[in-house]
Amino acid sequence: RRGRAAGAGGGARAMAAGKGAAGRRLGFIGAGAMAEALARGFSQAGACSAVTACDLSEERRRVFEGHGFATCASVAEVAAASDVVFVAVKPGVVKPVLTANAEALKDKLVVSIAAGVSLGALESFQEPYPTRVVRVMPNTPCLVGASAAAMSLGTHAVESDGELVRELMAAVGTITLVDEKLLGAVTGLSGSGPAYIFILIEALADGGVRAGLPRPIAMELATQTVMGSAKMVQETGMHPGQLKDQVASPGGTTIAGIHELEKAGFRSALMNAVTGAAERASKL
């Protein structure tokens, strides 16, 4: 859902949000792996001036402190120290966390990365306050500046809120504005996708070892092969099927390998992984 035009108070909020991401103070409710990847990515890219996080786990707070970030004991303290607050707790914890801190978050831009929690639900947890909410589905490659993310704007979010989130996420990869109903599919594809690719790299390396390569060489070749192939798709603009056909010569080694993948149901397994993850996201 796209945000409505700002009213009398919304105009001031829109102007404040439009100053740009670099000077923004970012807060994280939850200091798990995804929050850490985002915080480190933003910090390394110079996309924020400060990061503050809270988490029930002392171990996770120490991880954030080890990266030079501030931690505190409560959501209210995170809100007080931040301009933009990321909700990075498990989906089942979002409601009690937000309802208990609705007043503290009422004037903040709240960015939720919790899978499956709708904009309508997020806004209801903030009642009676018309909090500006944006849903974002990022992925862990944001840590190396290569995230593939998507976002949807809540009812009270204005255009400049979307621009600020886009600027933040552009510092750690790419982001696309989508209709909220598509975020489940985004979760299954790019949100969970890195895990599929990590398995692919590991399996390619294992195959290389099985064929006689030393493990370090097999891993280096597998990793570079995946990265180079993705870059070819991005930079040539060609369909992956066309690029595949260019490698698969008649009666050659590649088509023999592709035949084995087809016999094993490689394509359908990946499709099932995406749809299975998307369906799970809708049930969270």
C-alpha atoms as a PDB file:
ATOM      1  CA  ARG A   1       0.000   0.000   0.000  1.00  0.00           C
ATOM      2  CA  ARG A   2       1.304   3.418  -0.883  1.00  0.00           C
ATOM      3  CA  GLY A   3       1.223   6.092   1.786  1.00  0.00           C
ATOM      4  CA  ARG A   4      -1.438   8.802   1.648  1.00  0.00           C
ATOM      5  CA  ALA A   5      -0.521  12.462   1.300  1.00  0.00           C
ATOM      6  CA  ALA A   6       0.727  14.039   4.511  1.00  0.00           C
ATOM      7  CA  GLY A   7      -1.705  16.124   6.536  1.00  0.00           C
ATOM      8  CA  ALA A   8      -0.850  19.132   8.672  1.00  0.00           C
ATOM      9  CA  GLY A   9       1.392  17.162  11.037  1.00  0.00           C
ATOM     10  CA  GLY A  10       2.466  14.738   8.311  1.00  0.00           C
ATOM     11  CA  GLY A  11       4.131  17.471   6.285  1.00  0.00           C
ATOM     12  CA  ALA A  12       6.612  18.187   9.063  1.00  0.00           C
ATOM     13  CA  ARG A  13       7.294  14.479   9.478  1.00  0.00           C
ATOM     14  CA  ALA A  14       7.819  14.141   5.733  1.00  0.00           C
ATOM     15  CA  MET A  15      10.329  16.991   5.727  1.00  0.00           C
ATOM     16  CA  ALA A  16      12.199  15.459   8.658  1.00  0.00           C
ATOM     17  CA  ALA A  17      12.328  12.081   6.978  1.00  0.00           C
ATOM     18  CA  GLY A  18      13.528  13.618   3.736  1.00  0.00           C
ATOM     19  CA  LYS A  19      16.848  14.932   5.038  1.00  0.00           C
ATOM     20  CA  GLY A  20      18.669  11.829   3.866  1.00  0.00           C
ATOM     21  CA  ALA A  21      19.897   8.616   5.417  1.00  0.00           C
ATOM     22  CA  ALA A  22      23.558   9.373   6.162  1.00  0.00           C
ATOM     23  CA  GLY A  23      22.849  11.448   9.271  1.00  0.00           C
ATOM     24  CA  ARG A  24      20.108   9.198  10.583  1.00  0.00           C
ATOM     25  CA  ARG A  25      20.263   7.454  13.928  1.00  0.00           C
ATOM     26  CA  LEU A  26      19.084   3.880  13.514  1.00  0.00           C
ATOM     27  CA  GLY A  27      17.556   1.679  16.178  1.00  0.00           C
ATOM     28  CA  PHE A  28      17.000  -2.077  16.215  1.00  0.00           C
ATOM     29  CA  ILE A  29      14.414  -3.862  18.313  1.00  0.00           C
ATOM     30  CA  GLY A  30      16.023  -7.285  18.291  1.00  0.00           C
ATOM     31  CA  ALA A  31      19.714  -7.925  17.673  1.00  0.00           C
ATOM     32  CA  GLY A  32      19.643 -11.194  15.763  1.00  0.00           C
ATOM     33  CA  ALA A  33      21.594 -12.193  12.666  1.00  0.00           C
ATOM     34  CA  MET A  34      19.500 -10.170  10.200  1.00  0.00           C
ATOM     35  CA  ALA A  35      19.612  -7.062  12.387  1.00  0.00           C
ATOM     36  CA  GLU A  36      23.370  -7.483  12.720  1.00  0.00           C
ATOM     37  CA  ALA A  37      23.805  -7.822   8.955  1.00  0.00           C
ATOM     38  CA  LEU A  38      21.773  -4.666   8.331  1.00  0.00           C
ATOM     39  CA  ALA A  39      23.447  -2.651  11.083  1.00  0.00           C
ATOM     40  CA  ARG A  40      26.933  -3.617   9.934  1.00  0.00           C
ATOM     41  CA  GLY A  41      26.034  -3.002   6.302  1.00  0.00           C
ATOM     42  CA  PHE A  42      24.598   0.451   6.995  1.00  0.00           C
ATOM     43  CA  SER A  43      27.555   1.360   9.191  1.00  0.00           C
ATOM     44  CA  GLN A  44      30.175   0.165   6.725  1.00  0.00           C
ATOM     45  CA  ALA A  45      28.447   2.075   3.920  1.00  0.00           C
ATOM     46  CA  GLY A  46      28.336   5.279   5.987  1.00  0.00           C
ATOM     47  CA  ALA A  47      24.544   5.305   5.694  1.00  0.00           C
ATOM     48  CA  CYS A  48      23.875   6.274   9.319  1.00  0.00           C
ATOM     49  CA  SER A  49      25.412   8.268  12.140  1.00  0.00           C
ATOM     50  CA  ALA A  50      24.635   5.879  15.010  1.00  0.00           C
ATOM     51  CA  VAL A  51      23.160   2.445  15.761  1.00  0.00           C
ATOM     52  CA  THR A  52      21.396   1.461  18.988  1.00  0.00           C
ATOM     53  CA  ALA A  53      19.880  -1.952  19.693  1.00  0.00           C
ATOM     54  CA  CYS A  54      18.058  -3.824  22.413  1.00  0.00           C
ATOM     55  CA  ASP A  55      17.672  -7.572  22.841  1.00  0.00           C
ATOM     56  CA  LEU A  56      16.767  -9.936  25.665  1.00  0.00           C
ATOM     57  CA  SER A  57      19.903 -11.948  24.905  1.00  0.00           C
ATOM     58  CA  GLU A  58      23.029 -10.624  26.599  1.00  0.00           C
ATOM     59  CA  GLU A  59      25.100 -12.585  24.090  1.00  0.00           C
ATOM     60  CA  ARG A  60      23.486 -10.788  21.144  1.00  0.00           C
ATOM     61  CA  ARG A  61      23.922  -7.407  22.824  1.00  0.00           C
ATOM     62  CA  ARG A  62      27.611  -8.179  23.243  1.00  0.00           C
ATOM     63  CA  VAL A  63      27.860  -9.013  19.543  1.00  0.00           C
ATOM     64  CA  PHE A  64      26.471  -5.575  18.678  1.00  0.00           C
ATOM     65  CA  GLU A  65      28.760  -3.904  21.188  1.00  0.00           C
ATOM     66  CA  GLY A  66      31.679  -5.736  19.595  1.00  0.00           C
ATOM     67  CA  HIS A  67      30.904  -3.947  16.339  1.00  0.00           C
ATOM     68  CA  GLY A  68      30.960  -0.585  18.119  1.00  0.00           C
ATOM     69  CA  PHE A  69      27.182  -0.191  18.380  1.00  0.00           C
ATOM     70  CA  ALA A  70      25.314   0.997  21.451  1.00  0.00           C
ATOM     71  CA  THR A  71      22.925  -1.315  23.281  1.00  0.00           C
ATOM     72  CA  CYS A  72      20.281  -0.648  25.904  1.00  0.00           C
ATOM     73  CA  ALA A  73      17.747  -2.434  28.036  1.00  0.00           C
ATOM     74  CA  SER A  74      14.427  -1.335  26.545  1.00  0.00           C
ATOM     75  CA  VAL A  75      12.546  -0.501  23.381  1.00  0.00           C
ATOM     76  CA  ALA A  76      11.743   2.950  24.793  1.00  0.00           C
ATOM     77  CA  GLU A  77      15.470   3.693  25.069  1.00  0.00           C
ATOM     78  CA  VAL A  78      16.031   2.552  21.477  1.00  0.00           C
ATOM     79  CA  ALA A  79      13.203   4.822  20.320  1.00  0.00           C
ATOM     80  CA  ALA A  80      14.590   7.807  22.232  1.00  0.00           C
ATOM     81  CA  ALA A  81      18.017   7.332  20.646  1.00  0.00           C
ATOM     82  CA  SER A  82      16.791   6.753  17.067  1.00  0.00           C
ATOM     83  CA  ASP A  83      15.111   8.420  14.113  1.00  0.00           C
ATOM     84  CA  VAL A  84      14.313   5.181  12.306  1.00  0.00           C
ATOM     85  CA  VAL A  85      13.495   2.021  14.274  1.00  0.00           C
ATOM     86  CA  PHE A  86      13.819  -1.440  12.713  1.00  0.00           C
ATOM     87  CA  VAL A  87      11.575  -4.138  14.153  1.00  0.00           C
ATOM     88  CA  ALA A  88      13.766  -7.238  13.916  1.00  0.00           C
ATOM     89  CA  VAL A  89      12.193  -9.663  16.377  1.00  0.00           C
ATOM     90  CA  LYS A  90      10.501 -12.980  15.600  1.00  0.00           C
ATOM     91  CA  PRO A  91       7.027 -12.575  14.033  1.00  0.00           C
ATOM     92  CA  GLY A  92       5.252 -13.976  17.082  1.00  0.00           C
ATOM     93  CA  VAL A  93       6.866 -11.366  19.343  1.00  0.00           C
ATOM     94  CA  VAL A  94       6.008  -8.310  17.239  1.00  0.00           C
ATOM     95  CA  LYS A  95       2.550  -7.703  18.706  1.00  0.00           C
ATOM     96  CA  PRO A  96       3.474  -7.617  22.412  1.00  0.00           C
ATOM     97  CA  VAL A  97       6.599  -5.583  21.705  1.00  0.00           C
ATOM     98  CA  LEU A  98       4.819  -2.918  19.654  1.00  0.00           C
ATOM     99  CA  THR A  99       1.654  -2.675  21.724  1.00  0.00           C
ATOM    100  CA  ALA A 100       3.701  -2.203  24.883  1.00  0.00           C
ATOM    101  CA  ASN A 101       5.741   0.569  23.263  1.00  0.00           C
ATOM    102  CA  ALA A 102       3.231   2.245  20.951  1.00  0.00           C
ATOM    103  CA  GLU A 103       3.593   5.662  22.545  1.00  0.00           C
ATOM    104  CA  ALA A 104       7.405   5.568  22.491  1.00  0.00           C
ATOM    105  CA  LEU A 105       7.365   4.744  18.768  1.00  0.00           C
ATOM    106  CA  LYS A 106       4.503   7.030  17.673  1.00  0.00           C
ATOM    107  CA  ASP A 107       6.707   9.716  16.058  1.00  0.00           C
ATOM    108  CA  LYS A 108       9.303   7.357  14.604  1.00  0.00           C
ATOM    109  CA  LEU A 109       9.555   5.790  11.198  1.00  0.00           C
ATOM    110  CA  VAL A 110       9.073   2.106  12.017  1.00  0.00           C
ATOM    111  CA  VAL A 111      10.564  -0.370   9.545  1.00  0.00           C
ATOM    112  CA  SER A 112       9.516  -3.971  10.092  1.00  0.00           C
ATOM    113  CA  ILE A 113      11.565  -6.860   8.699  1.00  0.00           C
ATOM    114  CA  ALA A 114       9.386  -9.463  10.437  1.00  0.00           C
ATOM    115  CA  ALA A 115       8.191 -11.990   7.876  1.00  0.00           C
ATOM    116  CA  GLY A 116       4.449 -12.487   7.589  1.00  0.00           C
ATOM    117  CA  VAL A 117       3.334  -9.597   9.816  1.00  0.00           C
ATOM    118  CA  SER A 118       1.104  -7.387   7.657  1.00  0.00           C
ATOM    119  CA  LEU A 119       1.072  -3.615   7.511  1.00  0.00           C
ATOM    120  CA  GLY A 120      -2.480  -3.661   8.829  1.00  0.00           C
ATOM    121  CA  ALA A 121      -1.402  -5.706  11.831  1.00  0.00           C
ATOM    122  CA  LEU A 122       1.653  -3.524  12.477  1.00  0.00           C
ATOM    123  CA  GLU A 123      -0.487  -0.384  12.408  1.00  0.00           C
ATOM    124  CA  SER A 124      -3.097  -1.934  14.681  1.00  0.00           C
ATOM    125  CA  PHE A 125      -0.364  -2.724  17.226  1.00  0.00           C
ATOM    126  CA  GLN A 126       0.444   1.011  17.261  1.00  0.00           C
ATOM    127  CA  GLU A 127      -3.109   2.223  17.945  1.00  0.00           C
ATOM    128  CA  PRO A 128      -4.259   4.820  18.739  1.00  0.00           C
ATOM    129  CA  TYR A 129      -1.208   6.450  17.165  1.00  0.00           C
ATOM    130  CA  PRO A 130      -1.000   6.904  13.350  1.00  0.00           C
ATOM    131  CA  THR A 131       2.547   5.575  13.189  1.00  0.00           C
ATOM    132  CA  ARG A 132       4.448   5.637   9.900  1.00  0.00           C
ATOM    133  CA  VAL A 133       5.254   2.011   9.067  1.00  0.00           C
ATOM    134  CA  VAL A 134       7.189   0.425   6.212  1.00  0.00           C
ATOM    135  CA  ARG A 135       7.592  -3.310   5.669  1.00  0.00           C
ATOM    136  CA  VAL A 136      10.921  -4.431   4.226  1.00  0.00           C
ATOM    137  CA  MET A 137      12.045  -7.920   3.302  1.00  0.00           C
ATOM    138  CA  PRO A 138      15.865  -7.833   3.066  1.00  0.00           C
ATOM    139  CA  ASN A 139      18.381 -10.655   2.929  1.00  0.00           C
ATOM    140  CA  THR A 140      21.728 -11.302   4.582  1.00  0.00           C
ATOM    141  CA  PRO A 141      23.981 -10.265   1.633  1.00  0.00           C
ATOM    142  CA  CYS A 142      23.298  -6.696   2.854  1.00  0.00           C
ATOM    143  CA  LEU A 143      26.386  -7.363   4.978  1.00  0.00           C
ATOM    144  CA  VAL A 144      28.530  -7.225   1.814  1.00  0.00           C
ATOM    145  CA  GLY A 145      26.522  -4.534   0.025  1.00  0.00           C
ATOM    146  CA  ALA A 146      24.608  -6.995  -2.160  1.00  0.00           C
ATOM    147  CA  SER A 147      21.138  -7.283  -0.621  1.00  0.00           C
ATOM    148  CA  ALA A 148      18.081  -7.957  -2.759  1.00  0.00           C
ATOM    149  CA  ALA A 149      15.155  -6.393  -0.878  1.00  0.00           C
ATOM    150  CA  ALA A 150      11.561  -5.286  -1.405  1.00  0.00           C
ATOM    151  CA  MET A 151       9.316  -2.912   0.541  1.00  0.00           C
ATOM    152  CA  SER A 152       5.719  -1.789   0.965  1.00  0.00           C
ATOM    153  CA  LEU A 153       4.481   1.424   2.581  1.00  0.00           C
ATOM    154  CA  GLY A 154       1.821   1.606   5.279  1.00  0.00           C
ATOM    155  CA  THR A 155      -1.234   3.860   5.368  1.00  0.00           C
ATOM    156  CA  HIS A 156       0.445   6.675   7.297  1.00  0.00           C
ATOM    157  CA  ALA A 157       3.839   6.480   5.581  1.00  0.00           C
ATOM    158  CA  VAL A 158       4.527   9.279   3.119  1.00  0.00           C
ATOM    159  CA  GLU A 159       6.606   9.369  -0.040  1.00  0.00           C
ATOM    160  CA  SER A 160       9.679  10.722   1.722  1.00  0.00           C
ATOM    161  CA  ASP A 161       9.566   7.783   4.165  1.00  0.00           C
ATOM    162  CA  GLY A 162       9.819   5.430   1.213  1.00  0.00           C
ATOM    163  CA  GLU A 163      12.650   7.518  -0.216  1.00  0.00           C
ATOM    164  CA  LEU A 164      14.558   7.349   3.066  1.00  0.00           C
ATOM    165  CA  VAL A 165      14.172   3.573   3.320  1.00  0.00           C
ATOM    166  CA  ARG A 166      15.176   3.240  -0.324  1.00  0.00           C
ATOM    167  CA  GLU A 167      18.283   5.342   0.340  1.00  0.00           C
ATOM    168  CA  LEU A 168      19.208   3.240   3.353  1.00  0.00           C
ATOM    169  CA  MET A 169      18.738  -0.063   1.551  1.00  0.00           C
ATOM    170  CA  ALA A 170      20.482   1.196  -1.597  1.00  0.00           C
ATOM    171  CA  ALA A 171      23.589   1.566   0.561  1.00  0.00           C
ATOM    172  CA  VAL A 172      23.595  -2.194   1.104  1.00  0.00           C
ATOM    173  CA  GLY A 173      22.170  -3.495  -2.177  1.00  0.00           C
ATOM    174  CA  THR A 174      18.959  -3.028  -4.154  1.00  0.00           C
ATOM    175  CA  ILE A 175      15.335  -2.543  -3.118  1.00  0.00           C
ATOM    176  CA  THR A 176      12.070  -2.617  -5.054  1.00  0.00           C
ATOM    177  CA  LEU A 177       8.686  -1.167  -4.102  1.00  0.00           C
ATOM    178  CA  VAL A 178       6.005  -3.867  -4.393  1.00  0.00           C
ATOM    179  CA  ASP A 179       2.377  -4.387  -3.456  1.00  0.00           C
ATOM    180  CA  GLU A 180       2.225  -5.877   0.015  1.00  0.00           C
ATOM    181  CA  LYS A 181       0.539  -9.046  -1.213  1.00  0.00           C
ATOM    182  CA  LEU A 182       3.788  -9.921  -3.033  1.00  0.00           C
ATOM    183  CA  LEU A 183       6.020  -9.771   0.047  1.00  0.00           C
ATOM    184  CA  GLY A 184       5.380 -13.431   0.839  1.00  0.00           C
ATOM    185  CA  ALA A 185       6.781 -14.376  -2.560  1.00  0.00           C
ATOM    186  CA  VAL A 186       9.711 -12.018  -1.956  1.00  0.00           C
ATOM    187  CA  THR A 187      10.367 -13.797   1.336  1.00  0.00           C
ATOM    188  CA  GLY A 188      10.452 -17.180  -0.371  1.00  0.00           C
ATOM    189  CA  LEU A 189      12.704 -16.006  -3.203  1.00  0.00           C
ATOM    190  CA  SER A 190      15.212 -13.401  -2.058  1.00  0.00           C
ATOM    191  CA  GLY A 191      14.632 -13.510   1.699  1.00  0.00           C
ATOM    192  CA  SER A 192      15.360 -17.229   1.973  1.00  0.00           C
ATOM    193  CA  GLY A 193      17.238 -17.480  -1.325  1.00  0.00           C
ATOM    194  CA  PRO A 194      20.779 -16.973   0.019  1.00  0.00           C
ATOM    195  CA  ALA A 195      20.450 -20.241   1.943  1.00  0.00           C
ATOM    196  CA  TYR A 196      19.596 -22.058  -1.288  1.00  0.00           C
ATOM    197  CA  ILE A 197      22.610 -20.544  -3.009  1.00  0.00           C
ATOM    198  CA  PHE A 198      24.908 -21.418  -0.105  1.00  0.00           C
ATOM    199  CA  ILE A 199      23.755 -25.037  -0.413  1.00  0.00           C
ATOM    200  CA  LEU A 200      24.368 -24.854  -4.167  1.00  0.00           C
ATOM    201  CA  ILE A 201      27.927 -23.590  -3.643  1.00  0.00           C
ATOM    202  CA  GLU A 202      28.608 -26.250  -1.034  1.00  0.00           C
ATOM    203  CA  ALA A 203      27.227 -28.983  -3.300  1.00  0.00           C
ATOM    204  CA  LEU A 204      29.263 -27.789  -6.307  1.00  0.00           C
ATOM    205  CA  ALA A 205      32.400 -27.819  -4.172  1.00  0.00           C
ATOM    206  CA  ASP A 206      31.551 -31.295  -2.866  1.00  0.00           C
ATOM    207  CA  GLY A 207      31.176 -32.432  -6.467  1.00  0.00           C
ATOM    208  CA  GLY A 208      34.584 -31.009  -7.253  1.00  0.00           C
ATOM    209  CA  VAL A 209      36.096 -32.871  -4.313  1.00  0.00           C
ATOM    210  CA  ARG A 210      34.348 -36.055  -5.445  1.00  0.00           C
ATOM    211  CA  ALA A 211      35.921 -35.560  -8.866  1.00  0.00           C
ATOM    212  CA  GLY A 212      39.388 -35.203  -7.298  1.00  0.00           C
ATOM    213  CA  LEU A 213      39.897 -31.496  -6.552  1.00  0.00           C
ATOM    214  CA  PRO A 214      41.410 -30.354  -3.250  1.00  0.00           C
ATOM    215  CA  ARG A 215      38.711 -28.804  -1.034  1.00  0.00           C
ATOM    216  CA  PRO A 216      40.079 -25.191  -1.062  1.00  0.00           C
ATOM    217  CA  ILE A 217      40.344 -25.169  -4.852  1.00  0.00           C
ATOM    218  CA  ALA A 218      36.892 -26.697  -5.272  1.00  0.00           C
ATOM    219  CA  MET A 219      35.355 -24.097  -2.963  1.00  0.00           C
ATOM    220  CA  GLU A 220      37.109 -21.201  -4.712  1.00  0.00           C
ATOM    221  CA  LEU A 221      35.997 -22.407  -8.138  1.00  0.00           C
ATOM    222  CA  ALA A 222      32.410 -23.033  -7.002  1.00  0.00           C
ATOM    223  CA  THR A 223      32.090 -19.622  -5.352  1.00  0.00           C
ATOM    224  CA  GLN A 224      33.548 -17.725  -8.299  1.00  0.00           C
ATOM    225  CA  THR A 225      31.431 -19.709 -10.758  1.00  0.00           C
ATOM    226  CA  VAL A 226      28.195 -18.733  -8.998  1.00  0.00           C
ATOM    227  CA  MET A 227      29.250 -15.091  -8.679  1.00  0.00           C
ATOM    228  CA  GLY A 228      30.404 -14.867 -12.287  1.00  0.00           C
ATOM    229  CA  SER A 229      27.258 -16.501 -13.622  1.00  0.00           C
ATOM    230  CA  ALA A 230      25.026 -14.100 -11.699  1.00  0.00           C
ATOM    231  CA  LYS A 231      27.072 -11.165 -12.993  1.00  0.00           C
ATOM    232  CA  MET A 232      26.612 -12.360 -16.572  1.00  0.00           C
ATOM    233  CA  VAL A 233      22.835 -12.396 -16.135  1.00  0.00           C
ATOM    234  CA  GLN A 234      22.917  -8.892 -14.643  1.00  0.00           C
ATOM    235  CA  GLU A 235      25.292  -7.305 -17.135  1.00  0.00           C
ATOM    236  CA  THR A 236      24.311  -8.944 -20.429  1.00  0.00           C
ATOM    237  CA  GLY A 237      20.559  -8.654 -19.923  1.00  0.00           C
ATOM    238  CA  MET A 238      20.201 -12.050 -21.569  1.00  0.00           C
ATOM    239  CA  HIS A 239      17.757 -14.689 -20.359  1.00  0.00           C
ATOM    240  CA  PRO A 240      19.463 -17.343 -18.209  1.00  0.00           C
ATOM    241  CA  GLY A 241      18.223 -19.993 -20.636  1.00  0.00           C
ATOM    242  CA  GLN A 242      20.106 -18.307 -23.478  1.00  0.00           C
ATOM    243  CA  LEU A 243      23.290 -18.150 -21.441  1.00  0.00           C
ATOM    244  CA  LYS A 244      22.855 -21.805 -20.476  1.00  0.00           C
ATOM    245  CA  ASP A 245      22.462 -22.772 -24.137  1.00  0.00           C
ATOM    246  CA  GLN A 246      25.715 -20.993 -24.992  1.00  0.00           C
ATOM    247  CA  VAL A 247      27.598 -23.271 -22.578  1.00  0.00           C
ATOM    248  CA  ALA A 248      25.836 -26.512 -23.525  1.00  0.00           C
ATOM    249  CA  SER A 249      27.370 -27.676 -26.812  1.00  0.00           C
ATOM    250  CA  PRO A 250      25.925 -30.737 -28.625  1.00  0.00           C
ATOM    251  CA  GLY A 251      27.004 -33.985 -27.022  1.00  0.00           C
ATOM    252  CA  GLY A 252      29.308 -32.140 -24.622  1.00  0.00           C
ATOM    253  CA  THR A 253      30.085 -32.264 -20.930  1.00  0.00           C
ATOM    254  CA  THR A 254      27.676 -29.496 -19.891  1.00  0.00           C
ATOM    255  CA  ILE A 255      24.580 -31.022 -21.441  1.00  0.00           C
ATOM    256  CA  ALA A 256      25.475 -34.318 -19.796  1.00  0.00           C
ATOM    257  CA  GLY A 257      25.598 -32.526 -16.438  1.00  0.00           C
ATOM    258  CA  ILE A 258      22.326 -30.694 -17.131  1.00  0.00           C
ATOM    259  CA  HIS A 259      20.695 -34.030 -17.942  1.00  0.00           C
ATOM    260  CA  GLU A 260      21.673 -35.295 -14.489  1.00  0.00           C
ATOM    261  CA  LEU A 261      20.184 -32.169 -12.877  1.00  0.00           C
ATOM    262  CA  GLU A 262      16.937 -32.654 -14.775  1.00  0.00           C
ATOM    263  CA  LYS A 263      16.743 -36.322 -13.736  1.00  0.00           C
ATOM    264  CA  ALA A 264      17.153 -35.225 -10.107  1.00  0.00           C
ATOM    265  CA  GLY A 265      14.393 -32.611 -10.360  1.00  0.00           C
ATOM    266  CA  PHE A 266      16.766 -29.685  -9.789  1.00  0.00           C
ATOM    267  CA  ARG A 267      14.441 -27.004 -11.185  1.00  0.00           C
ATOM    268  CA  SER A 268      11.335 -28.243  -9.405  1.00  0.00           C
ATOM    269  CA  ALA A 269      13.253 -28.556  -6.129  1.00  0.00           C
ATOM    270  CA  LEU A 270      14.234 -24.871  -6.277  1.00  0.00           C
ATOM    271  CA  MET A 271      10.715 -23.831  -7.277  1.00  0.00           C
ATOM    272  CA  ASN A 272       9.305 -25.865  -4.407  1.00  0.00           C
ATOM    273  CA  ALA A 273      11.787 -24.251  -1.999  1.00  0.00           C
ATOM    274  CA  VAL A 274      10.606 -20.753  -2.985  1.00  0.00           C
ATOM    275  CA  THR A 275       6.892 -21.571  -2.855  1.00  0.00           C
ATOM    276  CA  GLY A 276       7.289 -23.556   0.369  1.00  0.00           C
ATOM    277  CA  ALA A 277       9.044 -20.656   2.075  1.00  0.00           C
ATOM    278  CA  ALA A 278       6.457 -18.203   0.737  1.00  0.00           C
ATOM    279  CA  GLU A 279       3.614 -20.341   2.084  1.00  0.00           C
ATOM    280  CA  ARG A 280       5.329 -20.584   5.450  1.00  0.00           C
ATOM    281  CA  ALA A 281       5.708 -16.789   5.555  1.00  0.00           C
ATOM    282  CA  SER A 282       1.954 -16.407   5.118  1.00  0.00           C
ATOM    283  CA  LYS A 283       1.336 -18.626   8.175  1.00  0.00           C
ATOM    284  CA  LEU A 284       3.723 -16.859  10.535  1.00  0.00           C
END
